[in-house]
Amino acid sequence: MPTSRNTFPDIDAYIASLPEEIQQILQDLRAAIHQAAPGAEEAISYAIPTFRLHGNLVHFAAFKNHIGFYPGPSGIKEFQDELSAYKGARGSVQFPIGQPLPWELITRIVRFRAAENRELAEGKPAARRKTGG
């Protein structure tokens, strides 16, 4: 697995450094993020895949036993009940490897964060509602 010492020029290089079965999960996650937040730009930040849309949107990373998903504190707080089945912290959640990722929930989290970032960029108060399907 990549370490914090590894630096990658882009998300393709990050994903290519991982075992094949993890590569597919991350490619699917990448596609889901793009579908939920059209126009999001890819980057590597904190040595992990990052998506930006009017600022940081979400990050993800692969670890030995889980996929880390980082929608920031507001994304975790907004969906805390649904995320309670997973380990996590203030701005992150861990999806265990070997279990299907909750794609519909991930999509809603990304949409929420995109709406929040757009509103902040427009100078409006951040949305505090769940963005539906």
Protein backbone atom coordinates (compact mmCIF):
# COMPACT_ATOMS: atom_id res chain seq x y z
CA MET A 1 0.00 0.00 0.00
CA PRO A 2 1.17 3.56 -0.56
CA THR A 3 2.78 5.27 2.39
CA SER A 4 2.91 8.91 3.35
CA ARG A 5 6.44 8.98 1.94
CA ASN A 6 5.18 8.09 -1.53
CA THR A 7 4.33 10.95 -3.79
CA PHE A 8 2.35 10.42 -6.93
CA PRO A 9 1.96 12.76 -9.89
CA ASP A 10 -1.73 11.93 -10.26
CA ILE A 11 -4.53 9.61 -9.20
CA ASP A 12 -3.72 7.16 -12.01
CA ALA A 13 -0.25 6.61 -10.57
CA TYR A 14 -1.64 6.23 -7.04
CA ILE A 15 -4.16 3.60 -8.14
CA ALA A 16 -1.60 1.77 -10.30
CA SER A 17 0.60 1.28 -7.23
CA LEU A 18 -2.04 -0.92 -5.58
CA PRO A 19 -3.09 -4.57 -5.96
CA GLU A 20 -5.44 -5.18 -8.89
CA GLU A 21 -8.54 -5.89 -6.79
CA ILE A 22 -8.06 -2.60 -4.91
CA GLN A 23 -7.45 -0.75 -8.17
CA GLN A 24 -10.94 -1.66 -9.39
CA ILE A 25 -12.58 -0.48 -6.16
CA LEU A 26 -10.76 2.85 -6.35
CA GLN A 27 -11.55 3.30 -10.05
CA ASP A 28 -15.23 2.71 -9.22
CA LEU A 29 -15.01 5.18 -6.33
CA ARG A 30 -13.32 7.72 -8.58
CA ALA A 31 -16.08 7.33 -11.17
CA ALA A 32 -18.79 7.66 -8.52
CA ILE A 33 -17.25 10.90 -7.27
CA HIS A 34 -17.10 12.33 -10.79
CA GLN A 35 -20.70 11.32 -11.44
CA ALA A 36 -21.90 12.91 -8.19
CA ALA A 37 -19.81 16.07 -8.65
CA PRO A 38 -19.42 16.88 -12.34
CA GLY A 39 -16.58 19.30 -12.87
CA ALA A 40 -14.61 18.20 -9.82
CA GLU A 41 -10.88 18.38 -10.47
CA GLU A 42 -8.49 15.61 -9.53
CA ALA A 43 -5.30 16.18 -7.57
CA ILE A 44 -2.97 14.53 -5.11
CA SER A 45 -3.01 16.24 -1.74
CA TYR A 46 -1.67 14.86 1.54
CA ALA A 47 -0.20 12.11 -0.73
CA ILE A 48 -3.70 10.75 -1.48
CA PRO A 49 -6.30 11.17 -4.24
CA THR A 50 -8.18 14.43 -3.81
CA PHE A 51 -11.13 16.00 -5.57
CA ARG A 52 -11.64 19.74 -5.62
CA LEU A 53 -14.72 21.72 -6.47
CA HIS A 54 -14.63 25.27 -5.10
CA GLY A 55 -12.06 23.97 -2.61
CA ASN A 56 -11.43 20.51 -1.20
CA LEU A 57 -14.36 18.21 -1.85
CA VAL A 58 -13.34 14.68 -0.78
CA HIS A 59 -10.25 12.50 -0.53
CA PHE A 60 -9.77 8.73 -0.50
CA ALA A 61 -6.97 6.30 0.25
CA ALA A 62 -6.35 2.56 0.34
CA PHE A 63 -5.04 0.82 3.41
CA LYS A 64 -4.40 -2.83 4.25
CA ASN A 65 -7.86 -3.46 5.68
CA HIS A 66 -10.00 -0.55 4.55
CA ILE A 67 -10.67 2.23 2.09
CA GLY A 68 -10.45 5.59 3.80
CA PHE A 69 -12.99 8.16 2.61
CA TYR A 70 -12.54 11.75 3.73
CA PRO A 71 -15.51 14.06 3.15
CA GLY A 72 -14.47 16.38 5.97
CA PRO A 73 -16.23 16.98 9.26
CA SER A 74 -19.39 18.41 7.71
CA GLY A 75 -19.86 15.38 5.45
CA ILE A 76 -19.44 13.01 8.37
CA LYS A 77 -21.74 15.01 10.65
CA GLU A 78 -24.51 15.29 8.04
CA PHE A 79 -24.60 11.52 7.51
CA GLN A 80 -23.50 10.39 10.98
CA ASP A 81 -26.45 8.05 11.52
CA GLU A 82 -25.84 6.18 8.27
CA LEU A 83 -22.08 6.14 8.83
CA SER A 84 -22.37 4.84 12.39
CA ALA A 85 -21.91 1.26 11.12
CA TYR A 86 -18.33 2.13 10.11
CA LYS A 87 -15.19 3.12 11.99
CA GLY A 88 -14.25 6.70 11.49
CA ALA A 89 -13.23 10.00 12.96
CA ARG A 90 -14.27 13.62 12.76
CA GLY A 91 -13.64 13.94 9.01
CA SER A 92 -13.19 10.36 7.84
CA VAL A 93 -14.81 6.97 7.52
CA GLN A 94 -13.29 3.53 6.97
CA PHE A 95 -15.00 1.14 4.55
CA PRO A 96 -13.70 -2.40 5.21
CA ILE A 97 -12.05 -4.15 2.29
CA GLY A 98 -14.04 -7.25 1.43
CA GLN A 99 -17.39 -5.57 2.00
CA PRO A 100 -19.26 -3.69 -0.72
CA LEU A 101 -18.91 0.06 -0.54
CA PRO A 102 -22.17 1.91 0.19
CA TRP A 103 -22.34 3.52 -3.26
CA GLU A 104 -25.65 5.32 -2.79
CA LEU A 105 -24.47 6.82 0.49
CA ILE A 106 -21.13 7.86 -1.00
CA THR A 107 -22.98 9.56 -3.86
CA ARG A 108 -25.19 11.49 -1.44
CA ILE A 109 -22.21 12.54 0.66
CA VAL A 110 -20.34 13.82 -2.40
CA ARG A 111 -23.42 15.69 -3.64
CA PHE A 112 -23.86 17.25 -0.21
CA ARG A 113 -20.23 18.37 -0.12
CA ALA A 114 -20.45 19.75 -3.68
CA ALA A 115 -23.56 21.76 -2.79
CA GLU A 116 -21.92 22.96 0.41
CA ASN A 117 -18.79 24.09 -1.45
CA ARG A 118 -20.82 25.83 -4.17
CA GLU A 119 -22.84 27.74 -1.57
CA LEU A 120 -19.71 28.75 0.31
CA ALA A 121 -18.12 29.92 -2.95
CA GLU A 122 -21.22 32.01 -3.68
CA GLY A 123 -21.11 33.52 -0.21
CA LYS A 124 -24.28 31.78 0.96
CA PRO A 125 -24.62 29.90 4.24
CA ALA A 126 -23.66 26.25 3.80
CA ALA A 127 -26.53 23.84 3.22
CA ARG A 128 -27.48 21.73 6.18
CA ARG A 129 -29.75 19.36 4.33
CA LYS A 130 -29.16 16.02 2.74
CA THR A 131 -29.01 16.08 -1.03
CA GLY A 132 -31.10 13.28 -2.40
CA GLY A 133 -30.68 10.79 -5.11
